Protein backbone atom coordinates (compact mmCIF):
# COMPACT_ATOMS: atom_id res chain seq x y z
CA MET A 1 -5.46 -238.57 37.96
CA SER A 2 -4.22 -242.11 38.45
CA TYR A 3 -5.19 -244.34 41.36
CA GLY A 4 -1.68 -244.00 42.77
CA LEU A 5 -1.93 -240.22 42.84
CA ARG A 6 -5.35 -240.34 44.48
CA ALA A 7 -4.01 -242.72 47.11
CA ARG A 8 -1.11 -240.39 47.83
CA GLU A 9 -3.44 -237.43 48.28
CA ARG A 10 -5.25 -239.31 51.06
CA MET A 11 -2.04 -239.88 53.02
CA PRO A 12 -1.07 -237.52 55.85
CA PHE A 13 1.23 -234.75 54.66
CA ALA A 14 4.90 -235.65 55.16
CA TRP A 15 6.57 -232.50 56.46
CA ASP A 16 10.34 -232.23 56.06
CA THR A 17 11.34 -231.05 59.52
CA VAL A 18 14.95 -230.42 58.45
CA THR A 19 13.92 -227.93 55.75
CA LEU A 20 11.39 -226.34 58.10
CA GLY A 21 13.98 -225.94 60.87
CA LEU A 22 16.64 -224.43 58.59
CA THR A 23 14.13 -222.05 57.03
CA ALA A 24 12.83 -220.96 60.45
CA ALA A 25 16.38 -220.28 61.64
CA LEU A 26 17.20 -218.12 58.60
CA LEU A 27 13.91 -216.22 58.90
CA LEU A 28 14.49 -215.50 62.59
CA VAL A 29 18.05 -214.29 61.94
CA GLY A 30 16.67 -212.15 59.12
CA LEU A 31 14.03 -210.53 61.32
CA VAL A 32 16.61 -209.72 64.00
CA MET A 33 19.17 -208.31 61.56
CA VAL A 34 16.63 -206.31 59.51
CA THR A 35 15.44 -204.75 62.77
CA SER A 36 18.95 -203.94 63.92
CA ALA A 37 20.06 -202.58 60.54
CA SER A 38 16.95 -200.45 59.90
CA MET A 39 16.03 -198.88 63.25
CA SER A 40 18.00 -195.68 62.75
CA ILE A 41 16.84 -194.97 59.22
CA ALA A 42 13.26 -196.00 60.07
CA ALA A 43 13.17 -193.62 63.04
CA ARG A 44 14.57 -190.77 60.94
CA ASP A 45 12.51 -191.26 57.77
CA MET A 46 9.33 -192.94 59.04
CA GLY A 47 9.12 -191.79 62.63
CA ASP A 48 8.89 -195.41 63.79
CA PRO A 49 12.07 -197.43 64.54
CA PHE A 50 10.17 -200.70 63.97
CA TYR A 51 8.68 -199.66 60.62
CA PHE A 52 10.70 -202.16 58.55
CA LEU A 53 10.43 -204.91 61.17
CA GLU A 54 6.63 -204.70 61.10
CA ARG A 55 6.53 -204.95 57.32
CA GLN A 56 9.12 -207.72 57.19
CA PHE A 57 7.07 -209.68 59.74
CA ILE A 58 3.83 -209.12 57.79
CA PHE A 59 5.38 -210.32 54.53
CA THR A 60 7.02 -213.25 56.30
CA MET A 61 3.57 -214.35 57.48
CA ALA A 62 2.18 -213.80 53.97
CA GLY A 63 5.07 -215.79 52.51
CA LEU A 64 4.44 -218.65 54.91
CA LEU A 65 0.79 -218.69 53.79
CA PHE A 66 1.93 -218.83 50.17
CA ALA A 67 4.31 -221.65 51.09
CA PHE A 68 1.49 -223.58 52.73
CA GLY A 69 -0.64 -223.04 49.65
CA MET A 70 2.14 -224.40 47.43
CA THR A 71 2.29 -227.57 49.53
CA ARG A 72 -1.31 -228.25 48.48
CA VAL A 73 -0.53 -228.08 44.72
CA PRO A 74 0.52 -231.40 43.08
CA VAL A 75 3.90 -230.91 41.41
CA HIS A 76 2.77 -232.51 38.15
CA LEU A 77 0.61 -229.41 37.56
CA TRP A 78 3.75 -227.25 37.37
CA ASP A 79 5.01 -229.62 34.69
CA LYS A 80 1.69 -229.70 32.84
CA TYR A 81 1.34 -225.92 32.69
CA SER A 82 5.04 -225.06 32.35
CA MET A 83 4.53 -223.43 28.94
CA VAL A 84 1.77 -221.21 30.34
CA LEU A 85 4.06 -220.26 33.22
CA LEU A 86 6.84 -219.42 30.76
CA MET A 87 4.51 -217.14 28.78
CA LEU A 88 3.46 -215.49 32.04
CA ALA A 89 7.10 -214.87 32.96
CA LEU A 90 7.86 -213.26 29.60
CA LEU A 91 4.67 -211.18 29.84
CA LEU A 92 5.63 -209.90 33.30
CA LEU A 93 9.15 -209.05 32.16
CA THR A 94 7.66 -207.13 29.23
CA LEU A 95 4.94 -205.31 31.20
CA VAL A 96 7.42 -203.95 33.71
CA LEU A 97 9.19 -202.09 30.87
CA ILE A 98 6.03 -200.18 29.91
CA PRO A 99 5.95 -196.64 31.39
CA GLY A 100 3.02 -196.28 33.74
CA LEU A 101 2.99 -199.98 34.59
CA GLY A 102 6.61 -200.46 35.56
CA ALA A 103 7.83 -198.40 38.49
CA ARG A 104 11.28 -196.83 38.20
CA VAL A 105 13.36 -196.95 41.39
CA ASN A 106 17.02 -195.85 41.53
CA GLY A 107 17.16 -195.71 37.74
CA ALA A 108 15.92 -199.29 37.21
CA ARG A 109 12.48 -200.35 36.00
CA ARG A 110 12.09 -203.66 37.85
CA TRP A 111 8.84 -203.23 39.75
CA LEU A 112 5.22 -203.68 38.68
CA ARG A 113 2.67 -201.57 40.52
CA ILE A 114 -0.02 -203.70 42.20
CA GLY A 115 -2.30 -201.32 44.07
CA VAL A 116 -0.16 -199.49 46.61
CA LEU A 117 2.61 -202.10 46.39
CA ASN A 118 5.52 -202.55 43.99
CA PHE A 119 6.30 -206.15 43.05
CA GLN A 120 9.71 -207.04 41.60
CA VAL A 121 8.73 -209.28 38.70
CA SER A 122 12.21 -210.70 38.13
CA GLU A 123 11.92 -212.67 41.38
CA LEU A 124 8.85 -214.54 40.14
CA ALA A 125 9.95 -214.67 36.51
CA LYS A 126 13.16 -216.54 37.41
CA VAL A 127 11.16 -219.29 39.10
CA LEU A 128 8.66 -219.60 36.23
CA VAL A 129 11.39 -219.74 33.57
CA LEU A 130 13.35 -222.35 35.53
CA THR A 131 10.17 -224.41 35.96
CA TRP A 132 9.84 -224.53 32.18
CA VAL A 133 13.53 -225.51 31.84
CA CYS A 134 12.97 -228.41 34.27
CA SER A 135 9.92 -229.52 32.29
CA TYR A 136 11.87 -229.31 29.03
CA CYS A 137 14.60 -231.53 30.49
CA VAL A 138 11.98 -234.25 31.06
CA ARG A 139 10.00 -233.89 27.81
CA LYS A 140 13.03 -233.56 25.50
CA ARG A 141 15.49 -235.71 27.38
CA GLU A 142 16.77 -237.71 24.40
CA GLU A 143 17.13 -234.62 22.21
CA LEU A 144 18.91 -232.74 25.01
CA GLU A 145 21.35 -235.59 25.62
CA SER A 146 22.28 -236.22 22.00
CA THR A 147 22.09 -233.01 19.93
CA LEU A 148 23.24 -229.41 20.03
CA PRO A 149 19.81 -228.07 18.90
CA GLY A 150 18.30 -229.85 21.90
CA LEU A 151 20.42 -227.60 24.14
CA VAL A 152 20.15 -224.46 22.03
CA LYS A 153 16.34 -224.30 22.36
CA PRO A 154 16.20 -223.84 26.18
CA VAL A 155 19.31 -221.65 26.09
CA GLY A 156 17.53 -219.44 23.55
CA LEU A 157 14.61 -219.00 25.96
CA LEU A 158 17.07 -218.21 28.75
CA ALA A 159 18.68 -215.63 26.45
CA VAL A 160 15.34 -213.95 25.74
CA SER A 161 14.51 -213.84 29.44
CA GLY A 162 17.99 -212.59 30.25
CA LEU A 163 17.72 -209.85 27.62
CA LEU A 164 14.47 -208.60 29.13
CA LEU A 165 16.15 -208.56 32.55
CA LEU A 166 19.12 -206.63 31.18
CA ILE A 167 16.84 -203.99 29.67
CA GLU A 168 15.39 -203.22 33.14
CA PRO A 169 18.43 -203.33 33.92
CA ASP A 170 18.97 -206.27 36.31
CA PHE A 171 22.39 -207.72 35.48
CA GLY A 172 22.52 -209.76 38.68
CA ALA A 173 19.19 -211.52 38.15
CA ALA A 174 20.12 -212.30 34.54
CA THR A 175 23.42 -213.83 35.66
CA VAL A 176 21.79 -216.00 38.33
CA LEU A 177 19.08 -217.15 35.90
CA PHE A 178 21.61 -218.12 33.24
CA ALA A 179 23.91 -219.92 35.68
CA THR A 180 21.07 -221.88 37.28
CA GLY A 181 19.54 -222.78 33.92
CA PHE A 182 22.86 -224.01 32.52
CA ALA A 183 23.50 -226.08 35.66
CA VAL A 184 20.09 -227.78 35.41
CA LEU A 185 20.57 -228.52 31.71
CA PHE A 186 24.01 -229.99 32.34
CA VAL A 187 22.85 -232.25 35.17
CA ALA A 188 19.84 -233.29 33.05
CA GLY A 189 22.17 -234.81 30.48
CA ALA A 190 23.36 -232.13 28.04
CA ARG A 191 26.77 -232.99 26.61
CA LEU A 192 29.67 -231.31 28.33
CA ARG A 193 31.24 -229.92 25.14
CA TYR A 194 27.95 -228.31 24.09
CA VAL A 195 27.41 -226.81 27.54
CA ALA A 196 31.00 -225.55 27.66
CA LEU A 197 30.63 -223.96 24.22
CA LEU A 198 27.43 -222.13 25.12
CA VAL A 199 28.68 -221.15 28.59
CA PHE A 200 31.75 -219.62 26.94
CA ALA A 201 29.55 -217.74 24.47
CA ALA A 202 27.27 -216.48 27.26
CA ALA A 203 30.23 -215.44 29.42
CA LEU A 204 31.78 -213.60 26.48
CA ALA A 205 28.50 -211.80 25.82
CA PHE A 206 28.24 -210.71 29.47
CA VAL A 207 31.85 -209.47 29.44
CA LEU A 208 31.31 -207.51 26.22
CA LEU A 209 28.09 -206.07 27.61
CA ALA A 210 29.86 -204.92 30.75
CA LEU A 211 32.81 -203.45 28.87
CA THR A 212 30.68 -201.60 26.28
CA SER A 213 28.36 -200.04 28.87
CA PRO A 214 29.89 -197.01 30.66
CA TYR A 215 27.52 -197.52 33.61
CA ARG A 216 28.47 -201.16 34.13
CA LEU A 217 32.16 -200.53 33.44
CA LYS A 218 32.20 -197.83 36.10
CA ARG A 219 30.65 -200.18 38.65
CA LEU A 220 33.14 -202.90 37.69
CA MET A 221 36.10 -200.57 38.17
CA ALA A 222 34.69 -199.37 41.50
CA PHE A 223 34.47 -202.99 42.64
CA LEU A 224 38.10 -203.63 41.71
CA HIS A 225 39.45 -200.50 43.41
CA PRO A 226 36.81 -199.19 45.85
CA PHE A 227 39.27 -197.20 47.95
CA ASP A 228 40.40 -195.17 44.91
CA ASP A 229 37.05 -193.35 45.09
CA PRO A 230 35.78 -194.00 48.64
CA PHE A 231 33.30 -191.09 48.67
CA ASN A 232 31.63 -191.69 45.31
CA GLY A 233 31.62 -194.86 43.18
CA GLY A 234 33.31 -196.99 45.86
CA PHE A 235 31.42 -195.54 48.83
CA GLN A 236 28.96 -198.39 49.41
CA LEU A 237 31.56 -201.15 49.11
CA THR A 238 34.05 -199.22 51.23
CA GLN A 239 31.52 -198.85 54.05
CA SER A 240 30.61 -202.54 53.75
CA LEU A 241 34.26 -203.59 54.06
CA ILE A 242 34.72 -201.32 57.07
CA ALA A 243 31.70 -202.95 58.73
CA ILE A 244 32.97 -206.46 58.05
CA GLY A 245 36.45 -205.54 59.28
CA ARG A 246 35.11 -204.08 62.54
CA GLY A 247 33.30 -207.35 63.31
CA SER A 248 36.51 -209.29 63.96
CA TRP A 249 35.92 -212.68 65.65
CA PHE A 250 32.83 -212.10 67.79
CA GLY A 251 31.47 -208.76 66.57
CA VAL A 252 30.79 -205.48 68.32
CA GLY A 253 27.50 -206.77 69.75
CA LEU A 254 23.95 -207.02 68.47
CA GLY A 255 22.58 -203.55 67.81
CA SER A 256 25.98 -201.86 68.23
CA SER A 257 26.89 -201.42 64.54
CA ILE A 258 28.29 -198.00 63.62
CA GLN A 259 28.12 -198.41 59.84
CA LYS A 260 24.33 -198.80 59.84
CA LEU A 261 24.03 -195.27 61.30
CA PHE A 262 23.61 -193.61 57.88
CA TYR A 263 27.08 -194.62 56.65
CA LEU A 264 26.23 -197.85 54.80
CA PRO A 265 23.50 -197.38 52.15
CA GLU A 266 20.87 -200.14 51.87
CA ALA A 267 22.02 -201.58 55.20
CA HIS A 268 18.77 -203.51 55.74
CA THR A 269 18.39 -204.78 52.15
CA ASP A 270 21.34 -205.67 49.91
CA PHE A 271 23.99 -205.11 52.62
CA VAL A 272 22.39 -206.66 55.68
CA PHE A 273 25.18 -209.27 55.64
CA ALA A 274 27.76 -206.54 56.32
CA VAL A 275 25.80 -205.38 59.38
CA LEU A 276 25.53 -208.99 60.54
CA ALA A 277 29.30 -209.42 60.17
CA GLU A 278 29.95 -206.22 62.13
CA GLU A 279 27.61 -207.09 65.00
CA LEU A 280 28.09 -210.87 65.24
CA GLY A 281 31.62 -211.22 63.83
CA LEU A 282 33.17 -214.17 62.06
CA VAL A 283 31.33 -216.61 64.32
CA GLY A 284 27.96 -215.20 63.23
CA VAL A 285 29.03 -215.16 59.58
CA ILE A 286 30.06 -218.83 59.71
CA GLY A 287 26.77 -219.71 61.40
CA VAL A 288 24.66 -218.02 58.71
CA ILE A 289 26.72 -219.49 55.87
CA ALA A 290 26.36 -222.93 57.51
CA LEU A 291 22.57 -222.51 57.53
CA PHE A 292 22.57 -221.68 53.80
CA VAL A 293 24.89 -224.58 52.99
CA ALA A 294 22.66 -226.95 54.97
CA LEU A 295 19.50 -225.75 53.21
CA VAL A 296 21.13 -226.07 49.78
CA TRP A 297 22.36 -229.56 50.70
CA ARG A 298 18.84 -230.47 51.83
CA ALA A 299 17.39 -229.34 48.51
CA PHE A 300 19.95 -231.48 46.67
CA HIS A 301 19.15 -234.42 48.96
CA ILE A 302 15.43 -234.11 48.19
CA SER A 303 16.33 -233.88 44.49
CA ARG A 304 18.28 -237.14 44.77
CA MET A 305 15.39 -238.80 46.61
CA ALA A 306 13.04 -237.77 43.80
CA ALA A 307 15.44 -239.03 41.14
CA ASN A 308 15.72 -242.40 42.89
CA ALA A 309 11.92 -242.58 42.97
CA GLY A 310 11.75 -241.98 39.21
CA MET A 311 10.32 -238.44 39.57
CA ARG A 312 12.59 -236.59 37.15
CA PHE A 313 10.68 -233.31 37.00
CA GLN A 314 10.50 -233.10 40.78
CA ALA A 315 14.22 -233.91 40.97
CA TYR A 316 15.16 -231.13 38.53
CA LEU A 317 12.88 -228.62 40.25
CA ALA A 318 14.31 -229.32 43.71
CA MET A 319 17.83 -229.11 42.28
CA ALA A 320 17.02 -225.79 40.56
CA PHE A 321 15.87 -224.36 43.89
CA GLY A 322 19.08 -225.46 45.60
CA ILE A 323 21.29 -224.03 42.86
CA TRP A 324 19.36 -220.74 42.77
CA LEU A 325 19.47 -220.37 46.57
CA GLY A 326 23.19 -221.12 46.73
CA LEU A 327 24.10 -218.84 43.82
CA GLN A 328 22.09 -215.87 45.05
CA ALA A 329 23.52 -216.22 48.56
CA ILE A 330 27.06 -216.47 47.13
CA VAL A 331 26.55 -213.40 44.94
CA ASN A 332 25.11 -211.29 47.77
CA ILE A 333 27.80 -212.31 50.25
CA GLY A 334 30.49 -211.87 47.58
CA VAL A 335 29.23 -208.34 46.85
CA ASN A 336 29.25 -207.45 50.55
CA MET A 337 32.84 -208.69 50.85
CA GLY A 338 34.09 -207.00 47.68
CA VAL A 339 34.70 -210.28 45.86
CA LEU A 340 32.06 -209.56 43.19
CA PRO A 341 30.77 -206.36 41.52
CA THR A 342 27.86 -204.64 43.23
CA LYS A 343 24.50 -206.16 42.25
CA GLY A 344 20.97 -205.47 43.39
CA LEU A 345 20.42 -208.98 44.73
CA THR A 346 19.00 -209.65 48.18
CA LEU A 347 20.23 -212.30 50.57
CA PRO A 348 17.40 -214.88 50.43
CA LEU A 349 15.23 -215.09 53.57
CA LEU A 350 17.42 -212.55 55.42
CA SER A 351 17.31 -209.22 53.57
CA TYR A 352 14.40 -206.82 53.74
CA GLY A 353 12.59 -207.37 50.46
CA ARG A 354 8.93 -208.12 49.97
CA SER A 355 9.04 -209.72 46.52
CA SER A 356 12.12 -211.81 47.26
CA LEU A 357 10.71 -213.04 50.56
CA LEU A 358 7.30 -213.99 49.14
CA VAL A 359 8.75 -215.86 46.15
CA SER A 360 11.49 -217.60 48.17
CA LEU A 361 9.00 -218.93 50.71
CA ALA A 362 6.54 -219.99 48.00
CA TRP A 363 9.32 -221.96 46.26
CA LEU A 364 10.20 -223.55 49.59
CA GLY A 365 6.57 -224.69 49.73
CA VAL A 366 7.07 -226.42 46.37
CA LEU A 367 10.21 -228.09 47.77
CA LEU A 368 8.21 -229.37 50.75
CA ARG A 369 5.55 -230.68 48.34
CA ILE A 370 8.23 -232.59 46.42
CA TYR A 371 9.45 -234.16 49.65
CA HIS A 372 5.89 -235.16 50.52
CA GLU A 373 5.30 -236.79 47.13
CA VAL A 374 8.58 -238.69 47.31
CA LYS A 375 7.82 -240.00 50.79
CA CYS A 376 4.29 -240.97 49.77
CA SER A 377 5.64 -242.74 46.71
CA SER A 378 7.96 -244.76 48.96
CA ARG A 379 5.09 -245.63 51.28
CA SER A 380 2.92 -246.72 48.35
CA ALA A 381 5.72 -248.94 47.05
CA VAL A 382 6.16 -250.56 50.46
CA THR A 383 2.40 -251.13 50.74
CA ARG A 384 2.26 -252.77 47.30
CA ILE A 385 5.19 -255.05 48.19
CA GLN A 386 3.61 -256.03 51.48
CA GLY A 387 0.29 -256.67 49.73
CA GLY A 388 2.04 -258.89 47.20
CA VAL A 389 3.73 -260.88 49.95
CA ARG A 390 0.41 -261.54 51.63
């Protein structure tokens, strides 16, 4: 470790109060809405109306501990061991497909059994794969900027990861991973015509995959015309749209949702946004979207700060977090509103979901670490200038 890094480690930690405030606001809204959306089903199935609240709170605390731990890890270690992290991601995505190790829930094999808990490996795998992509953008910058093979190599790894996700199947996670990876590669300097060519090829592959799979084609058609089959394939989306429509401007009141009373499936997980819209109305929806937009903007701002300080890997990693957060929020909200086909993606920091919550908060810890290193780098530069003047 260089003298500059050692000096930075001795400086007080620079907390980004904006990121902390936005995250706290989203977590608090999430706790309230998970409680409201789950009380009826928890009382019926678990005998305790606060069953899901208690577990969401426990995993929020665990996620905050993980986030704090990530703030202690120098970011250059993620760059140094990015290949190891990539291998770990591919291993996890492979293990979950093995009967006996991977747990099948609702027809999908996305969870790895860890003791009494099921962990959704795609949540962690996306972060590890994107970390490697960010590292590649730094190590192979000239090759990425000038040649097609320089872009094909990371896209090939994204394709392998996406294929493993599709086998589970997890079409939504594969789409978010591809979109985020392509965005990072483009911003890192890949030529527009190469990116456009590969994006077109990837989009064509996803379309063909959807059209050649009866299961996915059925879900696509249900998304386009949910009211043609409101009691079967379009039931979940129909109930979500009813909830959003009932919310009007100011909502029916916190805790007063009708759709959460056994009408809307997965009301506290994938469709918590619909319950929020019903209870808090358009005003509440705009407030939550504003919080997500502000957090994404903050991640991009930290990315720009890192780029200006010459920390390219940190800049790409912060940008990847912002893109991932924004895309997953857009997909979840779009699904709830009937704009996108139904996907099993949670609303980050709001939905009930242990794996998603733990990984999201841990990645936020990495973002806070990047902010700290950028601020410390600025302080070190100022100190050197002042020392030179003296």
